[in-house]
Amino acid sequence: MKSLVALSLLIALVTAAGSARALDYVSVVDSSAILYDAPSLKAKKLFVVNRYLPLEQVVSLDDWVKVRDSSGSLAWIEKRALSGKRFVAVMIPLAAVHQAADAGAPIAFNTRQQVALEWLESSDNGWVKVRHLDGMTGYVRATEVWGD
């Protein structure tokens, strides 16, 4: 009987994991925005963040969104300060953005840590198609950016 219960629990966990929805990423649309420790303008102000910062949307209320940043920290931000337009942040000192989703492809441009790149699409082979704010496009390794 115990093994049947354990098997049922295992099947339920595997099914739930398979049906988990993809992460929802948003970005800061305002030139700067404040992260709070609770969903209220009267809450403690934690940080000021800049435009294009990618954030993972965890919970959405009427006018507030609980978000996670690249460090894993959780905070609240006003919904009006966010956009559904996705950006990724470079997480390594210098990232090579290639002309194709291949390490052997020519380099389109290099970019420094914490630079925001517009997310265009993710590939199945570990690359992310991005656009620099100046218009150049290319592919960066998914392991080198956050917000994908």
C-alpha atoms as a PDB file:
ATOM      1  CA  MET A   1       0.000   0.000   0.000  1.00  0.00           C
ATOM      2  CA  LYS A   2       2.836   2.428   0.868  1.00  0.00           C
ATOM      3  CA  SER A   3       4.493   1.808  -2.486  1.00  0.00           C
ATOM      4  CA  LEU A   4       1.218   2.576  -4.291  1.00  0.00           C
ATOM      5  CA  VAL A   5       0.875   5.883  -2.408  1.00  0.00           C
ATOM      6  CA  ALA A   6       4.512   6.749  -3.133  1.00  0.00           C
ATOM      7  CA  LEU A   7       4.051   5.910  -6.825  1.00  0.00           C
ATOM      8  CA  SER A   8       0.897   8.042  -7.002  1.00  0.00           C
ATOM      9  CA  LEU A   9       2.714  10.941  -5.356  1.00  0.00           C
ATOM     10  CA  LEU A  10       5.643  10.599  -7.770  1.00  0.00           C
ATOM     11  CA  ILE A  11       3.303  10.618 -10.777  1.00  0.00           C
ATOM     12  CA  ALA A  12       1.516  13.695  -9.440  1.00  0.00           C
ATOM     13  CA  LEU A  13       4.818  15.552  -8.936  1.00  0.00           C
ATOM     14  CA  VAL A  14       6.108  14.688 -12.408  1.00  0.00           C
ATOM     15  CA  THR A  15       2.811  15.736 -13.993  1.00  0.00           C
ATOM     16  CA  ALA A  16       2.776  19.027 -12.075  1.00  0.00           C
ATOM     17  CA  ALA A  17       6.379  19.777 -13.038  1.00  0.00           C
ATOM     18  CA  GLY A  18       5.632  19.115 -16.679  1.00  0.00           C
ATOM     19  CA  SER A  19       2.640  21.431 -16.666  1.00  0.00           C
ATOM     20  CA  ALA A  20       4.399  24.308 -14.891  1.00  0.00           C
ATOM     21  CA  ARG A  21       4.108  27.445 -16.949  1.00  0.00           C
ATOM     22  CA  ALA A  22       7.076  29.238 -18.392  1.00  0.00           C
ATOM     23  CA  LEU A  23       8.614  32.118 -16.512  1.00  0.00           C
ATOM     24  CA  ASP A  24       7.110  35.519 -17.247  1.00  0.00           C
ATOM     25  CA  TYR A  25       9.669  38.254 -17.749  1.00  0.00           C
ATOM     26  CA  VAL A  26       8.938  41.961 -17.851  1.00  0.00           C
ATOM     27  CA  SER A  27      11.152  45.017 -18.030  1.00  0.00           C
ATOM     28  CA  VAL A  28      11.204  48.460 -16.494  1.00  0.00           C
ATOM     29  CA  VAL A  29       9.681  50.973 -18.918  1.00  0.00           C
ATOM     30  CA  ASP A  30      10.260  54.180 -16.931  1.00  0.00           C
ATOM     31  CA  SER A  31      13.667  55.890 -16.923  1.00  0.00           C
ATOM     32  CA  SER A  32      13.828  54.779 -13.289  1.00  0.00           C
ATOM     33  CA  ALA A  33      11.510  52.958 -10.906  1.00  0.00           C
ATOM     34  CA  ILE A  34      11.462  52.073  -7.225  1.00  0.00           C
ATOM     35  CA  LEU A  35      11.404  48.568  -5.792  1.00  0.00           C
ATOM     36  CA  TYR A  36       9.511  48.262  -2.498  1.00  0.00           C
ATOM     37  CA  ASP A  37       9.339  45.623   0.234  1.00  0.00           C
ATOM     38  CA  ALA A  38       5.498  45.534   0.061  1.00  0.00           C
ATOM     39  CA  PRO A  39       2.820  46.528  -2.476  1.00  0.00           C
ATOM     40  CA  SER A  40       2.320  50.111  -1.241  1.00  0.00           C
ATOM     41  CA  LEU A  41       3.848  53.531  -1.837  1.00  0.00           C
ATOM     42  CA  LYS A  42       4.147  53.739   1.956  1.00  0.00           C
ATOM     43  CA  ALA A  43       6.290  50.577   2.098  1.00  0.00           C
ATOM     44  CA  LYS A  44      10.054  50.634   2.564  1.00  0.00           C
ATOM     45  CA  LYS A  45      11.932  51.655  -0.591  1.00  0.00           C
ATOM     46  CA  LEU A  46      14.587  49.066  -1.384  1.00  0.00           C
ATOM     47  CA  PHE A  47      16.219  50.080  -4.669  1.00  0.00           C
ATOM     48  CA  VAL A  48      15.947  52.417  -7.624  1.00  0.00           C
ATOM     49  CA  VAL A  49      16.252  50.541 -10.916  1.00  0.00           C
ATOM     50  CA  ASN A  50      16.829  51.747 -14.473  1.00  0.00           C
ATOM     51  CA  ARG A  51      14.910  51.413 -17.719  1.00  0.00           C
ATOM     52  CA  TYR A  52      15.141  48.054 -19.507  1.00  0.00           C
ATOM     53  CA  LEU A  53      16.054  46.076 -16.379  1.00  0.00           C
ATOM     54  CA  PRO A  54      14.659  42.557 -16.867  1.00  0.00           C
ATOM     55  CA  LEU A  55      12.611  41.190 -13.974  1.00  0.00           C
ATOM     56  CA  GLU A  56      10.816  37.895 -13.459  1.00  0.00           C
ATOM     57  CA  GLN A  57       7.134  38.429 -12.676  1.00  0.00           C
ATOM     58  CA  VAL A  58       6.196  36.314  -9.656  1.00  0.00           C
ATOM     59  CA  VAL A  59       2.786  37.676  -8.554  1.00  0.00           C
ATOM     60  CA  SER A  60       0.553  40.314 -10.091  1.00  0.00           C
ATOM     61  CA  LEU A  61      -2.016  42.277  -8.107  1.00  0.00           C
ATOM     62  CA  ASP A  62      -4.189  45.193  -9.255  1.00  0.00           C
ATOM     63  CA  ASP A  63      -1.535  47.928  -9.385  1.00  0.00           C
ATOM     64  CA  TRP A  64       1.533  46.015  -8.160  1.00  0.00           C
ATOM     65  CA  VAL A  65       3.788  43.202  -9.326  1.00  0.00           C
ATOM     66  CA  LYS A  66       6.071  41.097  -7.149  1.00  0.00           C
ATOM     67  CA  VAL A  67       9.288  40.550  -9.097  1.00  0.00           C
ATOM     68  CA  ARG A  68      12.583  38.686  -8.809  1.00  0.00           C
ATOM     69  CA  ASP A  69      15.821  40.201 -10.095  1.00  0.00           C
ATOM     70  CA  SER A  70      18.919  38.435 -11.411  1.00  0.00           C
ATOM     71  CA  SER A  71      20.298  38.046  -7.865  1.00  0.00           C
ATOM     72  CA  GLY A  72      17.139  36.219  -6.767  1.00  0.00           C
ATOM     73  CA  SER A  73      15.904  39.076  -4.575  1.00  0.00           C
ATOM     74  CA  LEU A  74      12.157  39.630  -4.382  1.00  0.00           C
ATOM     75  CA  ALA A  75      10.516  43.063  -4.330  1.00  0.00           C
ATOM     76  CA  TRP A  76       7.361  44.893  -5.367  1.00  0.00           C
ATOM     77  CA  ILE A  77       7.075  47.427  -8.199  1.00  0.00           C
ATOM     78  CA  GLU A  78       4.201  49.486  -9.515  1.00  0.00           C
ATOM     79  CA  LYS A  79       2.640  47.760 -12.524  1.00  0.00           C
ATOM     80  CA  ARG A  80       2.625  51.021 -14.505  1.00  0.00           C
ATOM     81  CA  ALA A  81       6.462  51.040 -14.405  1.00  0.00           C
ATOM     82  CA  LEU A  82       6.666  47.742 -16.310  1.00  0.00           C
ATOM     83  CA  SER A  83       6.463  46.692 -19.937  1.00  0.00           C
ATOM     84  CA  GLY A  84       5.846  43.326 -21.513  1.00  0.00           C
ATOM     85  CA  LYS A  85       8.716  44.077 -23.906  1.00  0.00           C
ATOM     86  CA  ARG A  86      11.468  41.709 -22.860  1.00  0.00           C
ATOM     87  CA  PHE A  87      15.093  42.505 -22.282  1.00  0.00           C
ATOM     88  CA  VAL A  88      17.977  40.396 -21.035  1.00  0.00           C
ATOM     89  CA  ALA A  89      20.957  41.602 -19.008  1.00  0.00           C
ATOM     90  CA  VAL A  90      24.505  40.489 -19.780  1.00  0.00           C
ATOM     91  CA  MET A  91      25.854  38.634 -16.742  1.00  0.00           C
ATOM     92  CA  ILE A  92      29.503  38.135 -17.690  1.00  0.00           C
ATOM     93  CA  PRO A  93      32.255  40.786 -18.017  1.00  0.00           C
ATOM     94  CA  LEU A  94      32.264  40.694 -21.835  1.00  0.00           C
ATOM     95  CA  ALA A  95      29.824  38.783 -24.037  1.00  0.00           C
ATOM     96  CA  ALA A  96      30.325  38.057 -27.728  1.00  0.00           C
ATOM     97  CA  VAL A  97      27.150  38.414 -29.763  1.00  0.00           C
ATOM     98  CA  HIS A  98      27.422  36.280 -32.891  1.00  0.00           C
ATOM     99  CA  GLN A  99      25.846  36.673 -36.322  1.00  0.00           C
ATOM    100  CA  ALA A 100      24.312  33.178 -36.032  1.00  0.00           C
ATOM    101  CA  ALA A 101      23.419  30.831 -33.177  1.00  0.00           C
ATOM    102  CA  ASP A 102      26.790  29.107 -33.330  1.00  0.00           C
ATOM    103  CA  ALA A 103      30.033  29.680 -31.404  1.00  0.00           C
ATOM    104  CA  GLY A 104      31.930  29.455 -34.698  1.00  0.00           C
ATOM    105  CA  ALA A 105      29.870  32.198 -36.363  1.00  0.00           C
ATOM    106  CA  PRO A 106      31.442  35.625 -36.859  1.00  0.00           C
ATOM    107  CA  ILE A 107      31.011  38.071 -33.985  1.00  0.00           C
ATOM    108  CA  ALA A 108      28.469  40.812 -34.683  1.00  0.00           C
ATOM    109  CA  PHE A 109      29.477  42.856 -31.631  1.00  0.00           C
ATOM    110  CA  ASN A 110      30.712  42.560 -28.053  1.00  0.00           C
ATOM    111  CA  THR A 111      28.879  43.912 -25.038  1.00  0.00           C
ATOM    112  CA  ARG A 112      29.738  44.465 -21.395  1.00  0.00           C
ATOM    113  CA  GLN A 113      28.213  43.168 -18.176  1.00  0.00           C
ATOM    114  CA  GLN A 114      24.830  44.616 -17.122  1.00  0.00           C
ATOM    115  CA  VAL A 115      24.072  45.975 -20.616  1.00  0.00           C
ATOM    116  CA  ALA A 116      20.414  45.443 -21.499  1.00  0.00           C
ATOM    117  CA  LEU A 117      19.676  43.786 -24.822  1.00  0.00           C
ATOM    118  CA  GLU A 118      16.203  43.441 -26.289  1.00  0.00           C
ATOM    119  CA  TRP A 119      15.124  39.781 -26.280  1.00  0.00           C
ATOM    120  CA  LEU A 120      13.858  38.699 -29.691  1.00  0.00           C
ATOM    121  CA  GLU A 121      13.624  34.913 -29.355  1.00  0.00           C
ATOM    122  CA  SER A 122      15.184  31.901 -27.687  1.00  0.00           C
ATOM    123  CA  SER A 123      16.438  28.894 -29.610  1.00  0.00           C
ATOM    124  CA  ASP A 124      16.368  25.247 -28.612  1.00  0.00           C
ATOM    125  CA  ASN A 125      20.150  25.013 -28.836  1.00  0.00           C
ATOM    126  CA  GLY A 126      21.018  27.434 -25.998  1.00  0.00           C
ATOM    127  CA  TRP A 127      21.171  30.752 -27.847  1.00  0.00           C
ATOM    128  CA  VAL A 128      19.125  33.935 -27.541  1.00  0.00           C
ATOM    129  CA  LYS A 129      18.522  36.300 -30.438  1.00  0.00           C
ATOM    130  CA  VAL A 130      18.962  39.876 -29.197  1.00  0.00           C
ATOM    131  CA  ARG A 131      18.999  43.454 -30.418  1.00  0.00           C
ATOM    132  CA  HIS A 132      21.287  46.124 -29.005  1.00  0.00           C
ATOM    133  CA  LEU A 133      19.671  49.526 -28.369  1.00  0.00           C
ATOM    134  CA  ASP A 134      21.628  50.910 -31.338  1.00  0.00           C
ATOM    135  CA  GLY A 135      19.924  48.378 -33.646  1.00  0.00           C
ATOM    136  CA  MET A 136      22.580  45.669 -34.102  1.00  0.00           C
ATOM    137  CA  THR A 137      21.205  42.124 -33.800  1.00  0.00           C
ATOM    138  CA  GLY A 138      22.800  38.786 -33.128  1.00  0.00           C
ATOM    139  CA  TYR A 139      22.884  35.708 -30.935  1.00  0.00           C
ATOM    140  CA  VAL A 140      24.305  35.375 -27.425  1.00  0.00           C
ATOM    141  CA  ARG A 141      24.637  32.236 -25.347  1.00  0.00           C
ATOM    142  CA  ALA A 142      21.674  31.871 -22.979  1.00  0.00           C
ATOM    143  CA  THR A 143      24.096  31.106 -20.141  1.00  0.00           C
ATOM    144  CA  GLU A 144      25.648  34.579 -20.495  1.00  0.00           C
ATOM    145  CA  VAL A 145      22.442  36.586 -20.005  1.00  0.00           C
ATOM    146  CA  TRP A 146      19.606  36.772 -17.495  1.00  0.00           C
ATOM    147  CA  GLY A 147      15.959  37.278 -18.355  1.00  0.00           C
ATOM    148  CA  ASP A 148      15.576  34.594 -21.001  1.00  0.00           C
END
